All heavy atoms as atom14 arrays in JSON, in Angstrom:
{
  "sequence": "RDKYIGSEENWEKAETAIIEACQEKGLKAKIEYGEAAFYGPKLDF",
  "atom14_mask": [
    [1, 1, 1, 1, 1, 1, 1, 1, 1, 1, 1, 0, 0, 0],
    [1, 1, 1, 1, 1, 1, 1, 1, 0, 0, 0, 0, 0, 0],
    [1, 1, 1, 1, 1, 1, 1, 1, 1, 0, 0, 0, 0, 0],
    [1, 1, 1, 1, 1, 1, 1, 1, 1, 1, 1, 1, 0, 0],
    [1, 1, 1, 1, 1, 1, 1, 1, 0, 0, 0, 0, 0, 0],
    [1, 1, 1, 1, 0, 0, 0, 0, 0, 0, 0, 0, 0, 0],
    [1, 1, 1, 1, 1, 1, 0, 0, 0, 0, 0, 0, 0, 0],
    [1, 1, 1, 1, 1, 1, 1, 1, 1, 0, 0, 0, 0, 0],
    [1, 1, 1, 1, 1, 1, 1, 1, 1, 0, 0, 0, 0, 0],
    [1, 1, 1, 1, 1, 1, 1, 1, 0, 0, 0, 0, 0, 0],
    [1, 1, 1, 1, 1, 1, 1, 1, 1, 1, 1, 1, 1, 1],
    [1, 1, 1, 1, 1, 1, 1, 1, 1, 0, 0, 0, 0, 0],
    [1, 1, 1, 1, 1, 1, 1, 1, 1, 0, 0, 0, 0, 0],
    [1, 1, 1, 1, 1, 0, 0, 0, 0, 0, 0, 0, 0, 0],
    [1, 1, 1, 1, 1, 1, 1, 1, 1, 0, 0, 0, 0, 0],
    [1, 1, 1, 1, 1, 1, 1, 0, 0, 0, 0, 0, 0, 0],
    [1, 1, 1, 1, 1, 0, 0, 0, 0, 0, 0, 0, 0, 0],
    [1, 1, 1, 1, 1, 1, 1, 1, 0, 0, 0, 0, 0, 0],
    [1, 1, 1, 1, 1, 1, 1, 1, 0, 0, 0, 0, 0, 0],
    [1, 1, 1, 1, 1, 1, 1, 1, 1, 0, 0, 0, 0, 0],
    [1, 1, 1, 1, 1, 0, 0, 0, 0, 0, 0, 0, 0, 0],
    [1, 1, 1, 1, 1, 1, 0, 0, 0, 0, 0, 0, 0, 0],
    [1, 1, 1, 1, 1, 1, 1, 1, 1, 0, 0, 0, 0, 0],
    [1, 1, 1, 1, 1, 1, 1, 1, 1, 0, 0, 0, 0, 0],
    [1, 1, 1, 1, 1, 1, 1, 1, 1, 0, 0, 0, 0, 0],
    [1, 1, 1, 1, 0, 0, 0, 0, 0, 0, 0, 0, 0, 0],
    [1, 1, 1, 1, 1, 1, 1, 1, 0, 0, 0, 0, 0, 0],
    [1, 1, 1, 1, 1, 1, 1, 1, 1, 0, 0, 0, 0, 0],
    [1, 1, 1, 1, 1, 0, 0, 0, 0, 0, 0, 0, 0, 0],
    [1, 1, 1, 1, 1, 1, 1, 1, 1, 0, 0, 0, 0, 0],
    [1, 1, 1, 1, 1, 1, 1, 1, 0, 0, 0, 0, 0, 0],
    [1, 1, 1, 1, 1, 1, 1, 1, 1, 0, 0, 0, 0, 0],
    [1, 1, 1, 1, 1, 1, 1, 1, 1, 1, 1, 1, 0, 0],
    [1, 1, 1, 1, 0, 0, 0, 0, 0, 0, 0, 0, 0, 0],
    [1, 1, 1, 1, 1, 1, 1, 1, 1, 0, 0, 0, 0, 0],
    [1, 1, 1, 1, 1, 0, 0, 0, 0, 0, 0, 0, 0, 0],
    [1, 1, 1, 1, 1, 0, 0, 0, 0, 0, 0, 0, 0, 0],
    [1, 1, 1, 1, 1, 1, 1, 1, 1, 1, 1, 0, 0, 0],
    [1, 1, 1, 1, 1, 1, 1, 1, 1, 1, 1, 1, 0, 0],
    [1, 1, 1, 1, 0, 0, 0, 0, 0, 0, 0, 0, 0, 0],
    [1, 1, 1, 1, 1, 1, 1, 0, 0, 0, 0, 0, 0, 0],
    [1, 1, 1, 1, 1, 1, 1, 1, 1, 0, 0, 0, 0, 0],
    [1, 1, 1, 1, 1, 1, 1, 1, 0, 0, 0, 0, 0, 0],
    [1, 1, 1, 1, 1, 1, 1, 1, 0, 0, 0, 0, 0, 0],
    [1, 1, 1, 1, 1, 1, 1, 1, 1, 1, 1, 0, 0, 0]
  ],
  "atom14_positions": [
    [[0.82, -1.21, 0.0], [0.0, 0.0, 0.0], [0.86, 1.26, 0.0], [0.33, 2.37, 0.02], [-0.93, 0.0, 1.23], [-1.89, -1.21, 1.3], [-2.89, -1.16, 0.14], [-3.72, -2.35, 0.08], [-4.9, -2.49, 0.67], [-5.37, -1.53, 1.44], [-5.61, -3.59, 0.52], [0.0, 0.0, 0.0], [0.0, 0.0, 0.0], [0.0, 0.0, 0.0]],
    [[2.19, 1.12, 0.0], [3.08, 2.27, 0.12], [3.02, 3.2, -1.08], [3.33, 4.39, -0.97], [4.53, 1.8, 0.31], [4.74, 1.07, 1.64], [3.89, 1.27, 2.53], [5.72, 0.32, 1.76], [0.0, 0.0, 0.0], [0.0, 0.0, 0.0], [0.0, 0.0, 0.0], [0.0, 0.0, 0.0], [0.0, 0.0, 0.0], [0.0, 0.0, 0.0]],
    [[2.65, 2.66, -2.24], [2.68, 3.49, -3.45], [1.41, 4.31, -3.65], [1.25, 4.97, -4.66], [2.93, 2.61, -4.68], [1.93, 1.49, -4.89], [2.34, 0.64, -6.1], [1.38, -0.53, -6.33], [1.75, -1.33, -7.51], [0.0, 0.0, 0.0], [0.0, 0.0, 0.0], [0.0, 0.0, 0.0], [0.0, 0.0, 0.0], [0.0, 0.0, 0.0]],
    [[0.49, 4.27, -2.68], [-0.77, 5.0, -2.79], [-0.86, 6.08, -1.72], [-0.31, 5.92, -0.64], [-1.96, 4.04, -2.66], [-1.88, 2.85, -3.58], [-1.54, 1.59, -3.1], [-2.12, 2.98, -4.95], [-1.45, 0.5, -3.94], [-2.03, 1.9, -5.8], [-1.69, 0.66, -5.3], [-1.6, -0.42, -6.14], [0.0, 0.0, 0.0], [0.0, 0.0, 0.0]],
    [[-1.58, 7.15, -2.06], [-1.78, 8.22, -1.07], [-3.23, 8.16, -0.58], [-4.11, 7.67, -1.28], [-1.48, 9.61, -1.67], [-2.4, 9.93, -2.86], [-0.02, 9.72, -2.07], [-2.26, 11.33, -3.4], [0.0, 0.0, 0.0], [0.0, 0.0, 0.0], [0.0, 0.0, 0.0], [0.0, 0.0, 0.0], [0.0, 0.0, 0.0], [0.0, 0.0, 0.0]],
    [[-3.47, 8.67, 0.61], [-4.84, 8.73, 1.11], [-5.13, 7.7, 2.18], [-4.39, 6.73, 2.38], [0.0, 0.0, 0.0], [0.0, 0.0, 0.0], [0.0, 0.0, 0.0], [0.0, 0.0, 0.0], [0.0, 0.0, 0.0], [0.0, 0.0, 0.0], [0.0, 0.0, 0.0], [0.0, 0.0, 0.0], [0.0, 0.0, 0.0], [0.0, 0.0, 0.0]],
    [[-6.26, 7.88, 2.85], [-6.64, 7.02, 3.97], [-7.3, 5.74, 3.5], [-7.88, 5.67, 2.4], [-7.59, 7.77, 4.9], [-8.86, 7.96, 4.26], [0.0, 0.0, 0.0], [0.0, 0.0, 0.0], [0.0, 0.0, 0.0], [0.0, 0.0, 0.0], [0.0, 0.0, 0.0], [0.0, 0.0, 0.0], [0.0, 0.0, 0.0], [0.0, 0.0, 0.0]],
    [[-7.24, 4.72, 4.35], [-7.89, 3.43, 4.08], [-9.39, 3.63, 3.88], [-10.0, 3.03, 2.98], [-7.62, 2.48, 5.25], [-8.12, 1.06, 5.05], [-7.23, 0.27, 4.09], [-6.08, 0.66, 3.86], [-7.73, -0.75, 3.57], [0.0, 0.0, 0.0], [0.0, 0.0, 0.0], [0.0, 0.0, 0.0], [0.0, 0.0, 0.0], [0.0, 0.0, 0.0]],
    [[-9.98, 4.49, 4.72], [-11.43, 4.72, 4.65], [-11.83, 5.3, 3.28], [-12.79, 4.84, 2.65], [-11.86, 5.68, 5.76], [-13.34, 6.02, 5.74], [-13.7, 7.11, 6.72], [-12.79, 7.63, 7.4], [-14.9, 7.46, 6.79], [0.0, 0.0, 0.0], [0.0, 0.0, 0.0], [0.0, 0.0, 0.0], [0.0, 0.0, 0.0], [0.0, 0.0, 0.0]],
    [[-11.08, 6.3, 2.79], [-11.41, 6.92, 1.51], [-11.22, 5.95, 0.35], [-12.0, 5.94, -0.61], [-10.58, 8.18, 1.3], [-11.09, 9.35, 2.11], [-12.22, 9.34, 2.59], [-10.26, 10.38, 2.27], [0.0, 0.0, 0.0], [0.0, 0.0, 0.0], [0.0, 0.0, 0.0], [0.0, 0.0, 0.0], [0.0, 0.0, 0.0], [0.0, 0.0, 0.0]],
    [[-10.17, 5.14, 0.42], [-9.95, 4.14, -0.63], [-11.11, 3.14, -0.68], [-11.58, 2.78, -1.76], [-8.62, 3.42, -0.41], [-7.49, 4.11, -1.1], [-6.66, 5.06, -0.57], [-7.08, 3.93, -2.46], [-5.75, 5.48, -1.51], [-5.97, 4.8, -2.68], [-7.52, 3.14, -3.5], [-5.32, 4.89, -3.9], [-6.86, 3.22, -4.73], [-5.78, 4.09, -4.93]],
    [[-11.54, 2.68, 0.46], [-12.63, 1.71, 0.49], [-13.92, 2.3, -0.08], [-14.65, 1.64, -0.83], [-12.85, 1.21, 1.91], [-11.75, 0.27, 2.4], [-11.99, -0.21, 3.81], [-13.02, 0.17, 4.41], [-11.14, -0.99, 4.32], [0.0, 0.0, 0.0], [0.0, 0.0, 0.0], [0.0, 0.0, 0.0], [0.0, 0.0, 0.0], [0.0, 0.0, 0.0]],
    [[-14.21, 3.57, 0.25], [-15.41, 4.22, -0.29], [-15.31, 4.36, -1.81], [-16.3, 4.12, -2.53], [-15.58, 5.6, 0.35], [-16.07, 5.56, 1.79], [-16.5, 6.93, 2.29], [-15.34, 7.89, 2.45], [-15.76, 9.17, 3.09], [0.0, 0.0, 0.0], [0.0, 0.0, 0.0], [0.0, 0.0, 0.0], [0.0, 0.0, 0.0], [0.0, 0.0, 0.0]],
    [[-14.13, 4.73, -2.3], [-13.96, 4.92, -3.75], [-14.07, 3.6, -4.5], [-14.73, 3.51, -5.54], [-12.6, 5.57, -4.02], [0.0, 0.0, 0.0], [0.0, 0.0, 0.0], [0.0, 0.0, 0.0], [0.0, 0.0, 0.0], [0.0, 0.0, 0.0], [0.0, 0.0, 0.0], [0.0, 0.0, 0.0], [0.0, 0.0, 0.0], [0.0, 0.0, 0.0]],
    [[-13.44, 2.55, -3.97], [-13.49, 1.24, -4.63], [-14.9, 0.69, -4.64], [-15.36, 0.13, -5.66], [-12.52, 0.28, -3.93], [-11.06, 0.65, -4.16], [-10.08, -0.22, -3.38], [-10.49, -0.86, -2.39], [-8.89, -0.26, -3.78], [0.0, 0.0, 0.0], [0.0, 0.0, 0.0], [0.0, 0.0, 0.0], [0.0, 0.0, 0.0], [0.0, 0.0, 0.0]],
    [[-15.62, 0.86, -3.53], [-17.0, 0.37, -3.45], [-17.89, 1.1, -4.46], [-18.76, 0.48, -5.1], [-17.55, 0.57, -2.03], [-16.75, -0.17, -1.12], [-19.0, 0.11, -1.92], [0.0, 0.0, 0.0], [0.0, 0.0, 0.0], [0.0, 0.0, 0.0], [0.0, 0.0, 0.0], [0.0, 0.0, 0.0], [0.0, 0.0, 0.0], [0.0, 0.0, 0.0]],
    [[-17.69, 2.41, -4.62], [-18.52, 3.19, -5.55], [-18.37, 2.69, -6.98], [-19.37, 2.57, -7.72], [-18.13, 4.67, -5.47], [0.0, 0.0, 0.0], [0.0, 0.0, 0.0], [0.0, 0.0, 0.0], [0.0, 0.0, 0.0], [0.0, 0.0, 0.0], [0.0, 0.0, 0.0], [0.0, 0.0, 0.0], [0.0, 0.0, 0.0], [0.0, 0.0, 0.0]],
    [[-17.15, 2.35, -7.4], [-16.92, 1.86, -8.76], [-17.57, 0.5, -8.95], [-18.25, 0.24, -9.96], [-15.41, 1.8, -9.06], [-14.83, 3.22, -9.11], [-15.15, 1.07, -10.39], [-13.34, 3.27, -9.37], [0.0, 0.0, 0.0], [0.0, 0.0, 0.0], [0.0, 0.0, 0.0], [0.0, 0.0, 0.0], [0.0, 0.0, 0.0], [0.0, 0.0, 0.0]],
    [[-17.37, -0.4, -8.01], [-17.94, -1.75, -8.13], [-19.46, -1.69, -8.19], [-20.09, -2.35, -9.03], [-17.46, -2.63, -6.95], [-15.95, -2.88, -7.07], [-18.22, -3.95, -6.91], [-15.32, -3.5, -5.84], [0.0, 0.0, 0.0], [0.0, 0.0, 0.0], [0.0, 0.0, 0.0], [0.0, 0.0, 0.0], [0.0, 0.0, 0.0], [0.0, 0.0, 0.0]],
    [[-20.07, -0.86, -7.35], [-21.53, -0.75, -7.34], [-22.06, -0.12, -8.63], [-23.11, -0.53, -9.14], [-21.99, 0.07, -6.13], [-21.83, -0.67, -4.81], [-22.32, 0.16, -3.63], [-22.67, 1.34, -3.84], [-22.35, -0.38, -2.51], [0.0, 0.0, 0.0], [0.0, 0.0, 0.0], [0.0, 0.0, 0.0], [0.0, 0.0, 0.0], [0.0, 0.0, 0.0]],
    [[-21.35, 0.85, -9.19], [-21.78, 1.48, -10.44], [-21.77, 0.47, -11.57], [-22.71, 0.43, -12.4], [-20.87, 2.67, -10.77], [0.0, 0.0, 0.0], [0.0, 0.0, 0.0], [0.0, 0.0, 0.0], [0.0, 0.0, 0.0], [0.0, 0.0, 0.0], [0.0, 0.0, 0.0], [0.0, 0.0, 0.0], [0.0, 0.0, 0.0], [0.0, 0.0, 0.0]],
    [[-20.75, -0.38, -11.64], [-20.68, -1.4, -12.69], [-21.82, -2.41, -12.53], [-22.42, -2.84, -13.52], [-19.32, -2.11, -12.65], [-17.95, -1.08, -13.2], [0.0, 0.0, 0.0], [0.0, 0.0, 0.0], [0.0, 0.0, 0.0], [0.0, 0.0, 0.0], [0.0, 0.0, 0.0], [0.0, 0.0, 0.0], [0.0, 0.0, 0.0], [0.0, 0.0, 0.0]],
    [[-22.1, -2.78, -11.29], [-23.2, -3.72, -11.03], [-24.53, -3.11, -11.46], [-25.37, -3.79, -12.06], [-23.22, -4.08, -9.55], [-22.06, -4.96, -9.11], [-21.98, -5.15, -7.6], [-22.6, -4.4, -6.84], [-21.21, -6.14, -7.16], [0.0, 0.0, 0.0], [0.0, 0.0, 0.0], [0.0, 0.0, 0.0], [0.0, 0.0, 0.0], [0.0, 0.0, 0.0]],
    [[-24.72, -1.82, -11.16], [-25.97, -1.16, -11.51], [-26.16, -1.07, -13.02], [-27.29, -1.15, -13.51], [-26.0, 0.24, -10.89], [-27.37, 0.88, -10.91], [-27.46, 2.07, -9.96], [-26.91, 1.99, -8.83], [-28.07, 3.08, -10.34], [0.0, 0.0, 0.0], [0.0, 0.0, 0.0], [0.0, 0.0, 0.0], [0.0, 0.0, 0.0], [0.0, 0.0, 0.0]],
    [[-25.08, -0.89, -13.77], [-25.14, -0.82, -15.23], [-25.18, -2.2, -15.88], [-25.36, -2.32, -17.09], [-23.92, -0.06, -15.77], [-24.07, 1.44, -15.76], [-25.07, 1.92, -16.79], [-25.15, 3.42, -16.82], [-26.22, 3.89, -17.72], [0.0, 0.0, 0.0], [0.0, 0.0, 0.0], [0.0, 0.0, 0.0], [0.0, 0.0, 0.0], [0.0, 0.0, 0.0]],
    [[-24.96, -3.25, -15.09], [-24.88, -4.59, -15.67], [-23.64, -4.79, -16.5], [-23.62, -5.61, -17.43], [0.0, 0.0, 0.0], [0.0, 0.0, 0.0], [0.0, 0.0, 0.0], [0.0, 0.0, 0.0], [0.0, 0.0, 0.0], [0.0, 0.0, 0.0], [0.0, 0.0, 0.0], [0.0, 0.0, 0.0], [0.0, 0.0, 0.0], [0.0, 0.0, 0.0]],
    [[-22.58, -4.04, -16.2], [-21.33, -4.13, -16.95], [-20.43, -5.19, -16.33], [-20.08, -5.1, -15.15], [-20.62, -2.77, -16.94], [-19.26, -2.7, -17.65], [-19.43, -2.91, -19.15], [-18.57, -1.37, -17.37], [0.0, 0.0, 0.0], [0.0, 0.0, 0.0], [0.0, 0.0, 0.0], [0.0, 0.0, 0.0], [0.0, 0.0, 0.0], [0.0, 0.0, 0.0]],
    [[-20.08, -6.18, -17.1], [-19.16, -7.2, -16.62], [-17.74, -6.65, -16.69], [-17.21, -6.38, -17.76], [-19.28, -8.46, -17.48], [-20.63, -9.16, -17.35], [-20.68, -10.43, -18.21], [-22.03, -11.13, -18.07], [-22.1, -12.34, -18.92], [0.0, 0.0, 0.0], [0.0, 0.0, 0.0], [0.0, 0.0, 0.0], [0.0, 0.0, 0.0], [0.0, 0.0, 0.0]],
    [[-17.16, -6.47, -15.53], [-15.81, -5.9, -15.45], [-14.94, -6.8, -14.59], [-15.35, -7.22, -13.51], [-15.86, -4.49, -14.88], [0.0, 0.0, 0.0], [0.0, 0.0, 0.0], [0.0, 0.0, 0.0], [0.0, 0.0, 0.0], [0.0, 0.0, 0.0], [0.0, 0.0, 0.0], [0.0, 0.0, 0.0], [0.0, 0.0, 0.0], [0.0, 0.0, 0.0]],
    [[-13.76, -7.1, -15.08], [-12.85, -7.92, -14.27], [-12.06, -7.01, -13.34], [-11.77, -5.85, -13.66], [-11.92, -8.75, -15.15], [-10.9, -7.98, -15.94], [-9.97, -8.96, -16.65], [-8.87, -8.22, -17.39], [-7.91, -9.15, -18.02], [0.0, 0.0, 0.0], [0.0, 0.0, 0.0], [0.0, 0.0, 0.0], [0.0, 0.0, 0.0], [0.0, 0.0, 0.0]],
    [[-11.71, -7.53, -12.19], [-10.97, -6.77, -11.18], [-9.49, -7.09, -11.27], [-9.1, -8.26, -11.33], [-11.51, -7.07, -9.77], [-12.95, -6.55, -9.63], [-10.61, -6.45, -8.71], [-13.59, -6.85, -8.3], [0.0, 0.0, 0.0], [0.0, 0.0, 0.0], [0.0, 0.0, 0.0], [0.0, 0.0, 0.0], [0.0, 0.0, 0.0], [0.0, 0.0, 0.0]],
    [[-8.68, -6.04, -11.36], [-7.22, -6.19, -11.38], [-6.65, -5.44, -10.19], [-6.83, -4.22, -10.07], [-6.64, -5.64, -12.69], [-6.94, -6.46, -13.93], [-6.13, -7.75, -13.98], [-5.18, -7.88, -13.19], [-6.47, -8.62, -14.81], [0.0, 0.0, 0.0], [0.0, 0.0, 0.0], [0.0, 0.0, 0.0], [0.0, 0.0, 0.0], [0.0, 0.0, 0.0]],
    [[-5.96, -6.16, -9.31], [-5.35, -5.53, -8.14], [-3.96, -4.98, -8.5], [-3.24, -5.57, -9.31], [-5.24, -6.53, -7.0], [-6.59, -6.92, -6.44], [-7.24, -8.07, -6.9], [-7.22, -6.14, -5.47], [-8.49, -8.43, -6.39], [-8.46, -6.49, -4.96], [-9.09, -7.63, -5.43], [-10.32, -7.96, -4.93], [0.0, 0.0, 0.0], [0.0, 0.0, 0.0]],
    [[-3.63, -3.84, -7.94], [-2.33, -3.23, -8.19], [-2.29, -2.31, -9.39], [-1.25, -1.76, -9.72], [0.0, 0.0, 0.0], [0.0, 0.0, 0.0], [0.0, 0.0, 0.0], [0.0, 0.0, 0.0], [0.0, 0.0, 0.0], [0.0, 0.0, 0.0], [0.0, 0.0, 0.0], [0.0, 0.0, 0.0], [0.0, 0.0, 0.0], [0.0, 0.0, 0.0]],
    [[-3.44, -2.12, -10.08], [-3.47, -1.29, -11.29], [-4.1, 0.08, -11.05], [-4.26, 0.85, -11.99], [-4.27, -2.02, -12.39], [-3.62, -3.3, -12.88], [-2.26, -3.04, -13.54], [-2.16, -2.06, -14.31], [-1.32, -3.79, -13.28], [0.0, 0.0, 0.0], [0.0, 0.0, 0.0], [0.0, 0.0, 0.0], [0.0, 0.0, 0.0], [0.0, 0.0, 0.0]],
    [[-4.47, 0.4, -9.83], [-5.08, 1.7, -9.53], [-4.06, 2.82, -9.72], [-2.85, 2.6, -9.66], [-5.6, 1.71, -8.09], [0.0, 0.0, 0.0], [0.0, 0.0, 0.0], [0.0, 0.0, 0.0], [0.0, 0.0, 0.0], [0.0, 0.0, 0.0], [0.0, 0.0, 0.0], [0.0, 0.0, 0.0], [0.0, 0.0, 0.0], [0.0, 0.0, 0.0]],
    [[-4.58, 4.03, -9.95], [-3.72, 5.22, -9.92], [-3.27, 5.44, -8.48], [-3.9, 4.96, -7.54], [-4.49, 6.43, -10.44], [0.0, 0.0, 0.0], [0.0, 0.0, 0.0], [0.0, 0.0, 0.0], [0.0, 0.0, 0.0], [0.0, 0.0, 0.0], [0.0, 0.0, 0.0], [0.0, 0.0, 0.0], [0.0, 0.0, 0.0], [0.0, 0.0, 0.0]],
    [[-2.2, 6.2, -8.3], [-1.68, 6.36, -6.94], [-2.63, 7.13, -6.03], [-2.54, 7.05, -4.81], [-0.29, 7.02, -6.96], [-0.29, 8.49, -7.27], [-0.3, 9.42, -6.25], [-0.26, 8.96, -8.58], [-0.28, 10.79, -6.52], [-0.24, 10.31, -8.86], [-0.26, 11.23, -7.83], [0.0, 0.0, 0.0], [0.0, 0.0, 0.0], [0.0, 0.0, 0.0]],
    [[-3.59, 7.87, -6.64], [-4.52, 8.67, -5.83], [-5.93, 8.08, -5.77], [-6.79, 8.61, -5.08], [-4.6, 10.11, -6.35], [-4.83, 10.18, -7.84], [-6.08, 9.95, -8.39], [-3.77, 10.47, -8.71], [-6.28, 10.01, -9.76], [-3.96, 10.52, -10.07], [-5.21, 10.3, -10.6], [-5.41, 10.34, -11.96], [0.0, 0.0, 0.0], [0.0, 0.0, 0.0]],
    [[-6.19, 6.98, -6.5], [-7.54, 6.43, -6.44], [-7.76, 5.27, -7.4], [-7.0, 5.09, -8.37], [0.0, 0.0, 0.0], [0.0, 0.0, 0.0], [0.0, 0.0, 0.0], [0.0, 0.0, 0.0], [0.0, 0.0, 0.0], [0.0, 0.0, 0.0], [0.0, 0.0, 0.0], [0.0, 0.0, 0.0], [0.0, 0.0, 0.0], [0.0, 0.0, 0.0]],
    [[-8.8, 4.46, -7.17], [-9.15, 3.35, -8.07], [-9.78, 3.87, -9.35], [-10.18, 5.05, -9.43], [-10.16, 2.55, -7.24], [-10.82, 3.58, -6.39], [-9.74, 4.58, -6.05], [0.0, 0.0, 0.0], [0.0, 0.0, 0.0], [0.0, 0.0, 0.0], [0.0, 0.0, 0.0], [0.0, 0.0, 0.0], [0.0, 0.0, 0.0], [0.0, 0.0, 0.0]],
    [[-9.9, 3.01, -10.34], [-10.44, 3.47, -11.62], [-11.12, 2.34, -12.38], [-10.92, 1.16, -12.09], [-9.32, 4.08, -12.49], [-8.13, 3.16, -12.72], [-7.04, 3.86, -13.52], [-5.85, 2.92, -13.74], [-4.91, 3.42, -14.75], [0.0, 0.0, 0.0], [0.0, 0.0, 0.0], [0.0, 0.0, 0.0], [0.0, 0.0, 0.0], [0.0, 0.0, 0.0]],
    [[-11.94, 2.75, -13.33], [-12.57, 1.83, -14.27], [-11.96, 2.12, -15.64], [-12.11, 3.23, -16.16], [-14.08, 2.04, -14.3], [-14.88, 1.22, -15.32], [-14.76, -0.28, -15.04], [-16.35, 1.64, -15.35], [0.0, 0.0, 0.0], [0.0, 0.0, 0.0], [0.0, 0.0, 0.0], [0.0, 0.0, 0.0], [0.0, 0.0, 0.0], [0.0, 0.0, 0.0]],
    [[-11.26, 1.15, -16.2], [-10.59, 1.31, -17.49], [-11.33, 0.52, -18.57], [-11.87, -0.56, -18.31], [-9.14, 0.83, -17.42], [-8.28, 1.69, -16.52], [-8.53, 2.9, -16.46], [-7.37, 1.14, -15.86], [0.0, 0.0, 0.0], [0.0, 0.0, 0.0], [0.0, 0.0, 0.0], [0.0, 0.0, 0.0], [0.0, 0.0, 0.0], [0.0, 0.0, 0.0]],
    [[-11.31, 1.08, -19.78], [-11.92, 0.41, -20.92], [-10.82, 0.02, -21.89], [-10.11, 0.88, -22.42], [-12.96, 1.32, -21.59], [-14.18, 1.54, -20.73], [-14.19, 2.53, -19.76], [-15.3, 0.75, -20.88], [-15.29, 2.73, -18.96], [-16.42, 0.93, -20.08], [-16.41, 1.92, -19.11], [0.0, 0.0, 0.0], [0.0, 0.0, 0.0], [0.0, 0.0, 0.0]]
  ]
}
């Protein structure tokens, strides 16, 4: 976790928001760990 900035709480909220948005859209997205930007998680196409 050293290569990321920010609190554990904020990261968890951000990651949950992306996962829930994909579920709501019915978008099948695979999860890749270690590929987030240093300031936050992301959804890549």
